[in-house]
């Protein structure tokens, strides 16, 4: 899987405005909607929030991976965003989340979603890369860390 095909500068935010889990999710959904990656904002938002209610997608090491499945996408839609001061995302390690990776996938296609999460997780497991991502000031810098 080629991350450059799924993540691009126009779907990376280096400074999220939201201060709550719900605001972060909405901001990322709105980014994907504005870039034409999803067709139905409300359906995508509902899918992600419903998934989040089942179990928090706050992982560890400051990473959160909010995701959902809906027919409002034709292919996997992905976004990455940063909130350097962190937000409580009910993470497994109890620490605030700073790096957010959102995926919205089709109900009928799970393969690309799982492949993407596997690949991005391998990169984000590297503490040096996480730190470089958090120090990035532009989407281009973030993309460079992720793809090189």
N, C-alpha and C. Protein backbone atom coordinates (compact mmCIF):
# COMPACT_ATOMS: atom_id res chain seq x y z
N UNK A 1 0.84 -1.19 0.00
CA UNK A 1 0.00 0.00 0.00
C UNK A 1 0.88 1.24 0.00
N UNK A 2 0.54 2.22 -0.79
CA UNK A 2 1.31 3.45 -0.90
C UNK A 2 0.62 4.56 -0.11
N UNK A 3 1.25 4.96 0.99
CA UNK A 3 0.66 6.01 1.83
C UNK A 3 0.45 7.31 1.08
N UNK A 4 1.33 7.60 0.12
CA UNK A 4 1.19 8.84 -0.65
C UNK A 4 -0.10 8.87 -1.47
N UNK A 5 -0.64 7.70 -1.79
CA UNK A 5 -1.89 7.66 -2.53
C UNK A 5 -3.09 7.87 -1.60
N UNK A 6 -2.93 7.56 -0.34
CA UNK A 6 -4.04 7.67 0.60
C UNK A 6 -3.98 8.94 1.44
N UNK A 7 -2.79 9.37 1.79
CA UNK A 7 -2.62 10.61 2.54
C UNK A 7 -1.95 11.62 1.63
N UNK A 8 -2.42 12.83 1.68
CA UNK A 8 -1.79 13.88 0.89
C UNK A 8 -1.77 15.15 1.73
N UNK A 9 -1.04 16.13 1.27
CA UNK A 9 -0.94 17.37 2.03
C UNK A 9 -2.30 17.98 2.31
N UNK A 10 -3.25 17.80 1.40
CA UNK A 10 -4.56 18.41 1.61
C UNK A 10 -5.45 17.65 2.60
N UNK A 11 -4.98 16.50 3.09
CA UNK A 11 -5.74 15.79 4.13
C UNK A 11 -4.91 15.65 5.42
N UNK A 12 -3.96 16.56 5.58
CA UNK A 12 -3.17 16.60 6.81
C UNK A 12 -3.32 17.99 7.43
N UNK A 13 -3.69 18.02 8.70
CA UNK A 13 -3.79 19.28 9.46
C UNK A 13 -2.71 19.27 10.54
N UNK A 14 -1.91 20.31 10.60
CA UNK A 14 -0.87 20.36 11.62
C UNK A 14 -1.32 21.08 12.89
N UNK A 15 -2.47 21.74 12.84
CA UNK A 15 -2.97 22.44 14.03
C UNK A 15 -4.49 22.32 14.12
N UNK A 16 -4.96 21.26 14.76
CA UNK A 16 -6.39 21.12 15.00
C UNK A 16 -6.86 22.22 15.95
N UNK A 17 -8.07 22.70 15.73
CA UNK A 17 -8.65 23.71 16.60
C UNK A 17 -9.43 23.09 17.76
N UNK A 18 -10.04 21.93 17.53
CA UNK A 18 -10.89 21.29 18.52
C UNK A 18 -10.16 20.98 19.82
N UNK A 19 -10.95 20.96 20.91
CA UNK A 19 -10.37 20.68 22.22
C UNK A 19 -11.04 19.48 22.89
N UNK A 20 -12.00 18.85 22.21
CA UNK A 20 -12.65 17.66 22.73
C UNK A 20 -12.61 16.57 21.67
N UNK A 21 -12.86 15.35 22.11
CA UNK A 21 -12.89 14.22 21.17
C UNK A 21 -13.88 14.49 20.03
N UNK A 22 -15.07 14.94 20.37
CA UNK A 22 -16.10 15.17 19.36
C UNK A 22 -15.71 16.27 18.39
N UNK A 23 -15.11 17.36 18.92
CA UNK A 23 -14.68 18.46 18.05
C UNK A 23 -13.58 18.01 17.09
N UNK A 24 -12.66 17.21 17.58
CA UNK A 24 -11.57 16.70 16.74
C UNK A 24 -12.15 15.85 15.61
N UNK A 25 -13.05 14.94 15.97
CA UNK A 25 -13.68 14.07 14.96
C UNK A 25 -14.42 14.90 13.92
N UNK A 26 -15.20 15.87 14.36
CA UNK A 26 -15.95 16.72 13.41
C UNK A 26 -15.00 17.49 12.50
N UNK A 27 -13.93 18.03 13.06
CA UNK A 27 -12.98 18.80 12.26
C UNK A 27 -12.34 17.94 11.18
N UNK A 28 -12.02 16.70 11.53
CA UNK A 28 -11.40 15.81 10.55
C UNK A 28 -12.41 15.35 9.50
N UNK A 29 -13.64 15.10 9.91
CA UNK A 29 -14.70 14.77 8.94
C UNK A 29 -14.90 15.94 7.99
N UNK A 30 -14.94 17.16 8.53
CA UNK A 30 -15.13 18.34 7.69
C UNK A 30 -13.98 18.51 6.70
N UNK A 31 -12.76 18.19 7.13
CA UNK A 31 -11.61 18.24 6.22
C UNK A 31 -11.82 17.27 5.06
N UNK A 32 -12.18 16.03 5.38
CA UNK A 32 -12.40 15.04 4.32
C UNK A 32 -13.55 15.44 3.41
N UNK A 33 -14.60 16.02 3.98
CA UNK A 33 -15.74 16.47 3.19
C UNK A 33 -15.31 17.60 2.24
N UNK A 34 -14.55 18.56 2.76
CA UNK A 34 -14.13 19.70 1.94
C UNK A 34 -13.18 19.28 0.81
N UNK A 35 -12.51 18.16 0.97
CA UNK A 35 -11.59 17.66 -0.05
C UNK A 35 -12.27 16.67 -1.00
N UNK A 36 -13.58 16.49 -0.84
CA UNK A 36 -14.32 15.61 -1.73
C UNK A 36 -14.08 14.13 -1.48
N UNK A 37 -13.56 13.77 -0.32
CA UNK A 37 -13.26 12.37 -0.03
C UNK A 37 -14.45 11.60 0.51
N UNK A 38 -15.44 12.32 1.06
CA UNK A 38 -16.68 11.68 1.51
C UNK A 38 -17.86 12.42 0.88
N UNK A 39 -18.95 11.67 0.68
CA UNK A 39 -20.12 12.25 0.01
C UNK A 39 -21.17 12.76 1.00
N UNK A 40 -21.25 12.15 2.17
CA UNK A 40 -22.30 12.47 3.13
C UNK A 40 -21.67 12.70 4.49
N UNK A 41 -21.53 13.97 4.87
CA UNK A 41 -20.88 14.33 6.12
C UNK A 41 -21.55 13.68 7.32
N UNK A 42 -22.88 13.78 7.37
CA UNK A 42 -23.61 13.27 8.52
C UNK A 42 -23.47 11.75 8.67
N UNK A 43 -23.51 11.04 7.56
CA UNK A 43 -23.36 9.58 7.61
C UNK A 43 -21.96 9.20 8.10
N UNK A 44 -20.95 9.90 7.61
CA UNK A 44 -19.57 9.61 8.03
C UNK A 44 -19.38 9.95 9.50
N UNK A 45 -19.90 11.10 9.92
CA UNK A 45 -19.78 11.51 11.31
C UNK A 45 -20.48 10.50 12.23
N UNK A 46 -21.67 10.10 11.86
CA UNK A 46 -22.41 9.11 12.65
C UNK A 46 -21.63 7.80 12.76
N UNK A 47 -21.06 7.36 11.65
CA UNK A 47 -20.30 6.10 11.64
C UNK A 47 -19.12 6.17 12.60
N UNK A 48 -18.39 7.27 12.59
CA UNK A 48 -17.21 7.40 13.45
C UNK A 48 -17.63 7.53 14.91
N UNK A 49 -18.65 8.35 15.18
CA UNK A 49 -19.08 8.53 16.57
C UNK A 49 -19.68 7.25 17.15
N UNK A 50 -20.42 6.50 16.33
CA UNK A 50 -20.97 5.23 16.81
C UNK A 50 -19.84 4.25 17.13
N UNK A 51 -18.83 4.21 16.29
CA UNK A 51 -17.69 3.34 16.55
C UNK A 51 -16.98 3.76 17.83
N UNK A 52 -16.86 5.05 18.03
CA UNK A 52 -16.18 5.58 19.20
C UNK A 52 -16.95 5.25 20.49
N UNK A 53 -18.27 5.21 20.41
CA UNK A 53 -19.09 4.86 21.58
C UNK A 53 -18.89 3.40 22.00
N UNK A 54 -18.62 2.53 21.04
CA UNK A 54 -18.40 1.11 21.35
C UNK A 54 -17.11 0.93 22.14
N UNK A 55 -16.07 1.61 21.70
CA UNK A 55 -14.77 1.55 22.37
C UNK A 55 -13.92 2.70 21.84
N UNK A 56 -13.26 3.38 22.75
CA UNK A 56 -12.43 4.50 22.35
C UNK A 56 -11.33 4.05 21.40
N UNK A 57 -11.02 4.90 20.44
CA UNK A 57 -9.94 4.62 19.51
C UNK A 57 -8.65 5.32 19.93
N UNK A 58 -8.64 5.85 21.16
CA UNK A 58 -7.41 6.38 21.73
C UNK A 58 -6.50 5.21 22.06
N UNK A 59 -5.36 5.14 21.44
CA UNK A 59 -4.46 4.01 21.60
C UNK A 59 -3.47 4.31 22.73
N UNK A 60 -2.21 4.38 22.40
CA UNK A 60 -1.17 4.76 23.35
C UNK A 60 -0.13 5.60 22.63
N UNK A 61 0.82 6.13 23.36
CA UNK A 61 1.88 6.97 22.79
C UNK A 61 1.32 8.21 22.10
N UNK A 62 0.14 8.70 22.54
CA UNK A 62 -0.42 9.92 21.97
C UNK A 62 -1.13 9.73 20.64
N UNK A 63 -1.45 8.50 20.29
CA UNK A 63 -2.08 8.22 19.00
C UNK A 63 -3.55 7.85 19.18
N UNK A 64 -4.39 8.41 18.34
CA UNK A 64 -5.80 8.03 18.28
C UNK A 64 -6.14 7.73 16.83
N UNK A 65 -6.96 6.72 16.63
CA UNK A 65 -7.30 6.30 15.26
C UNK A 65 -8.81 6.22 15.11
N UNK A 66 -9.50 7.38 15.13
CA UNK A 66 -10.95 7.34 14.94
C UNK A 66 -11.28 6.85 13.53
N UNK A 67 -12.25 5.95 13.46
CA UNK A 67 -12.59 5.38 12.16
C UNK A 67 -14.04 4.94 12.13
N UNK A 68 -14.53 4.71 10.93
CA UNK A 68 -15.89 4.24 10.76
C UNK A 68 -16.09 3.67 9.37
N UNK A 69 -17.22 2.98 9.22
CA UNK A 69 -17.57 2.40 7.93
C UNK A 69 -18.92 2.95 7.50
N UNK A 70 -18.97 3.36 6.24
CA UNK A 70 -20.20 3.93 5.71
C UNK A 70 -20.17 3.84 4.18
N UNK A 71 -21.32 3.89 3.60
CA UNK A 71 -21.41 3.91 2.14
C UNK A 71 -21.23 5.32 1.57
N UNK A 72 -20.87 6.28 2.41
CA UNK A 72 -20.67 7.64 1.92
C UNK A 72 -19.27 7.84 1.34
N UNK A 73 -18.52 6.76 1.20
CA UNK A 73 -17.22 6.83 0.54
C UNK A 73 -17.15 5.76 -0.54
N UNK A 74 -16.50 6.10 -1.64
CA UNK A 74 -16.31 5.12 -2.72
C UNK A 74 -15.05 4.31 -2.48
N UNK A 75 -14.05 4.95 -1.89
CA UNK A 75 -12.80 4.27 -1.55
C UNK A 75 -12.34 4.80 -0.20
N UNK A 76 -11.36 4.17 0.37
CA UNK A 76 -10.86 4.54 1.68
C UNK A 76 -10.48 6.02 1.72
N UNK A 77 -11.04 6.73 2.70
CA UNK A 77 -10.72 8.14 2.91
C UNK A 77 -9.90 8.25 4.19
N UNK A 78 -8.78 8.95 4.13
CA UNK A 78 -7.88 9.05 5.28
C UNK A 78 -7.47 10.49 5.52
N UNK A 79 -7.24 10.80 6.79
CA UNK A 79 -6.73 12.12 7.17
C UNK A 79 -5.83 11.93 8.38
N UNK A 80 -4.90 12.84 8.55
CA UNK A 80 -4.04 12.84 9.72
C UNK A 80 -4.01 14.26 10.25
N UNK A 81 -4.08 14.39 11.57
CA UNK A 81 -4.09 15.73 12.17
C UNK A 81 -3.33 15.71 13.49
N UNK A 82 -2.86 16.88 13.86
CA UNK A 82 -2.07 17.03 15.08
C UNK A 82 -2.71 18.04 16.03
N UNK A 83 -2.62 17.72 17.30
CA UNK A 83 -3.01 18.65 18.38
C UNK A 83 -1.88 18.53 19.39
N UNK A 84 -0.88 19.39 19.23
CA UNK A 84 0.38 19.22 19.96
C UNK A 84 0.23 19.26 21.47
N UNK A 85 -0.75 20.01 21.97
CA UNK A 85 -0.95 20.03 23.42
C UNK A 85 -1.79 18.86 23.92
N UNK A 86 -2.34 18.10 23.00
CA UNK A 86 -3.06 16.88 23.35
C UNK A 86 -4.51 17.09 23.76
N UNK A 87 -5.29 16.04 23.57
CA UNK A 87 -6.71 16.02 23.91
C UNK A 87 -7.02 14.68 24.55
N UNK A 88 -7.87 14.71 25.56
CA UNK A 88 -8.29 13.46 26.20
C UNK A 88 -9.14 12.67 25.21
N UNK A 89 -8.65 11.51 24.83
CA UNK A 89 -9.35 10.65 23.87
C UNK A 89 -9.63 9.29 24.50
N UNK A 90 -9.61 9.26 25.85
CA UNK A 90 -9.82 8.02 26.59
C UNK A 90 -8.87 6.93 26.09
N UNK A 91 -7.59 7.29 26.00
CA UNK A 91 -6.60 6.36 25.45
C UNK A 91 -6.29 5.22 26.42
N UNK A 92 -5.75 4.15 25.86
CA UNK A 92 -5.41 2.97 26.65
C UNK A 92 -4.39 3.28 27.75
N UNK A 93 -3.46 4.20 27.48
CA UNK A 93 -2.45 4.50 28.48
C UNK A 93 -2.81 5.71 29.34
N UNK A 94 -4.01 6.27 29.12
CA UNK A 94 -4.48 7.38 29.93
C UNK A 94 -3.87 8.73 29.59
N UNK A 95 -3.02 8.77 28.59
CA UNK A 95 -2.35 10.02 28.21
C UNK A 95 -3.12 10.72 27.09
N UNK A 96 -2.98 12.04 27.00
CA UNK A 96 -3.67 12.77 25.93
C UNK A 96 -3.17 12.33 24.54
N UNK A 97 -4.07 12.39 23.58
CA UNK A 97 -3.72 12.06 22.19
C UNK A 97 -3.26 13.32 21.48
N UNK A 98 -2.23 13.17 20.65
CA UNK A 98 -1.66 14.30 19.91
C UNK A 98 -1.64 14.07 18.41
N UNK A 99 -1.62 12.80 18.00
CA UNK A 99 -1.61 12.44 16.58
C UNK A 99 -2.90 11.67 16.30
N UNK A 100 -3.67 12.17 15.35
CA UNK A 100 -4.97 11.57 15.02
C UNK A 100 -4.97 11.09 13.58
N UNK A 101 -5.29 9.84 13.39
CA UNK A 101 -5.36 9.25 12.06
C UNK A 101 -6.79 8.78 11.86
N UNK A 102 -7.49 9.38 10.92
CA UNK A 102 -8.89 9.01 10.67
C UNK A 102 -8.99 8.20 9.39
N UNK A 103 -9.80 7.16 9.46
CA UNK A 103 -10.13 6.42 8.25
C UNK A 103 -11.64 6.25 8.17
N UNK A 104 -12.15 6.45 6.98
CA UNK A 104 -13.56 6.19 6.68
C UNK A 104 -13.54 5.20 5.52
N UNK A 105 -14.11 4.04 5.74
CA UNK A 105 -14.08 3.03 4.70
C UNK A 105 -15.49 2.58 4.34
N UNK A 106 -15.58 1.98 3.18
CA UNK A 106 -16.84 1.44 2.69
C UNK A 106 -17.24 0.24 3.54
N UNK A 107 -18.51 0.09 3.77
CA UNK A 107 -19.02 -1.04 4.54
C UNK A 107 -18.63 -2.36 3.89
N UNK A 108 -18.57 -2.37 2.57
CA UNK A 108 -18.34 -3.62 1.85
C UNK A 108 -16.87 -3.96 1.61
N UNK A 109 -15.95 -3.04 1.93
CA UNK A 109 -14.53 -3.30 1.64
C UNK A 109 -13.68 -3.07 2.88
N UNK A 110 -13.20 -4.15 3.50
CA UNK A 110 -12.38 -4.01 4.70
C UNK A 110 -10.89 -4.08 4.42
N UNK A 111 -10.48 -4.68 3.34
CA UNK A 111 -9.06 -4.87 3.05
C UNK A 111 -8.23 -3.61 3.10
N UNK A 112 -8.56 -2.58 2.32
CA UNK A 112 -7.73 -1.37 2.31
C UNK A 112 -7.63 -0.71 3.70
N UNK A 113 -8.71 -0.73 4.44
CA UNK A 113 -8.76 -0.14 5.77
C UNK A 113 -7.74 -0.83 6.69
N UNK A 114 -7.75 -2.14 6.70
CA UNK A 114 -6.85 -2.92 7.54
C UNK A 114 -5.40 -2.73 7.10
N UNK A 115 -5.16 -2.74 5.79
CA UNK A 115 -3.80 -2.54 5.27
C UNK A 115 -3.25 -1.18 5.67
N UNK A 116 -4.09 -0.14 5.51
CA UNK A 116 -3.66 1.22 5.85
C UNK A 116 -3.33 1.31 7.34
N UNK A 117 -4.22 0.80 8.19
CA UNK A 117 -3.98 0.87 9.64
C UNK A 117 -2.71 0.12 10.03
N UNK A 118 -2.46 -0.99 9.40
CA UNK A 118 -1.25 -1.76 9.68
C UNK A 118 -0.01 -0.95 9.32
N UNK A 119 -0.03 -0.35 8.14
CA UNK A 119 1.14 0.40 7.67
C UNK A 119 1.38 1.65 8.52
N UNK A 120 0.32 2.41 8.80
CA UNK A 120 0.49 3.65 9.56
C UNK A 120 0.89 3.33 11.00
N UNK A 121 0.39 2.22 11.53
CA UNK A 121 0.74 1.82 12.90
C UNK A 121 2.22 1.49 13.02
N UNK A 122 2.76 0.82 12.02
CA UNK A 122 4.18 0.49 12.04
C UNK A 122 5.03 1.75 12.09
N UNK A 123 4.64 2.74 11.33
CA UNK A 123 5.38 4.01 11.31
C UNK A 123 5.26 4.72 12.65
N UNK A 124 4.04 4.79 13.17
CA UNK A 124 3.80 5.54 14.41
C UNK A 124 4.29 4.83 15.66
N UNK A 125 4.64 3.57 15.55
CA UNK A 125 5.24 2.85 16.68
C UNK A 125 6.67 3.31 16.94
N UNK A 126 7.25 4.00 15.99
CA UNK A 126 8.61 4.51 16.10
C UNK A 126 8.58 5.86 16.83
N UNK A 127 9.11 5.91 18.04
CA UNK A 127 9.03 7.13 18.85
C UNK A 127 9.73 8.32 18.18
N UNK A 128 10.81 8.05 17.46
CA UNK A 128 11.52 9.14 16.77
C UNK A 128 10.64 9.74 15.68
N UNK A 129 9.94 8.88 14.93
CA UNK A 129 9.06 9.40 13.87
C UNK A 129 7.88 10.16 14.47
N UNK A 130 7.33 9.67 15.58
CA UNK A 130 6.23 10.40 16.23
C UNK A 130 6.70 11.80 16.63
N UNK A 131 7.90 11.87 17.20
CA UNK A 131 8.43 13.16 17.62
C UNK A 131 8.65 14.08 16.42
N UNK A 132 9.18 13.55 15.34
CA UNK A 132 9.39 14.36 14.13
C UNK A 132 8.06 14.85 13.57
N UNK A 133 7.04 14.00 13.60
CA UNK A 133 5.71 14.41 13.13
C UNK A 133 5.20 15.56 13.99
N UNK A 134 5.31 15.43 15.30
CA UNK A 134 4.82 16.47 16.20
C UNK A 134 5.59 17.78 16.07
N UNK A 135 6.84 17.71 15.64
CA UNK A 135 7.63 18.92 15.45
C UNK A 135 7.37 19.57 14.09
N UNK A 136 6.67 18.88 13.22
CA UNK A 136 6.40 19.40 11.88
C UNK A 136 5.49 20.62 11.95
N UNK A 137 5.76 21.58 11.06
CA UNK A 137 4.95 22.78 11.02
C UNK A 137 4.13 22.87 9.73
N UNK A 138 4.38 21.94 8.81
CA UNK A 138 3.61 21.92 7.56
C UNK A 138 3.17 20.50 7.25
N UNK A 139 2.12 20.41 6.46
CA UNK A 139 1.64 19.10 6.02
C UNK A 139 2.70 18.37 5.21
N UNK A 140 3.47 19.11 4.44
CA UNK A 140 4.54 18.50 3.63
C UNK A 140 5.58 17.82 4.52
N UNK A 141 5.92 18.45 5.62
CA UNK A 141 6.89 17.85 6.55
C UNK A 141 6.34 16.55 7.14
N UNK A 142 5.06 16.56 7.54
CA UNK A 142 4.44 15.36 8.10
C UNK A 142 4.47 14.23 7.06
N UNK A 143 4.06 14.55 5.84
CA UNK A 143 4.03 13.56 4.78
C UNK A 143 5.43 13.00 4.51
N UNK A 144 6.42 13.85 4.57
CA UNK A 144 7.79 13.41 4.36
C UNK A 144 8.23 12.39 5.43
N UNK A 145 7.88 12.64 6.68
CA UNK A 145 8.22 11.70 7.75
C UNK A 145 7.51 10.37 7.53
N UNK A 146 6.26 10.43 7.11
CA UNK A 146 5.47 9.21 6.92
C UNK A 146 5.91 8.37 5.73
N UNK A 147 6.48 9.01 4.73
CA UNK A 147 6.75 8.28 3.48
C UNK A 147 8.22 8.08 3.20
N UNK A 148 9.11 8.58 4.05
CA UNK A 148 10.56 8.40 3.81
C UNK A 148 11.23 7.72 4.99
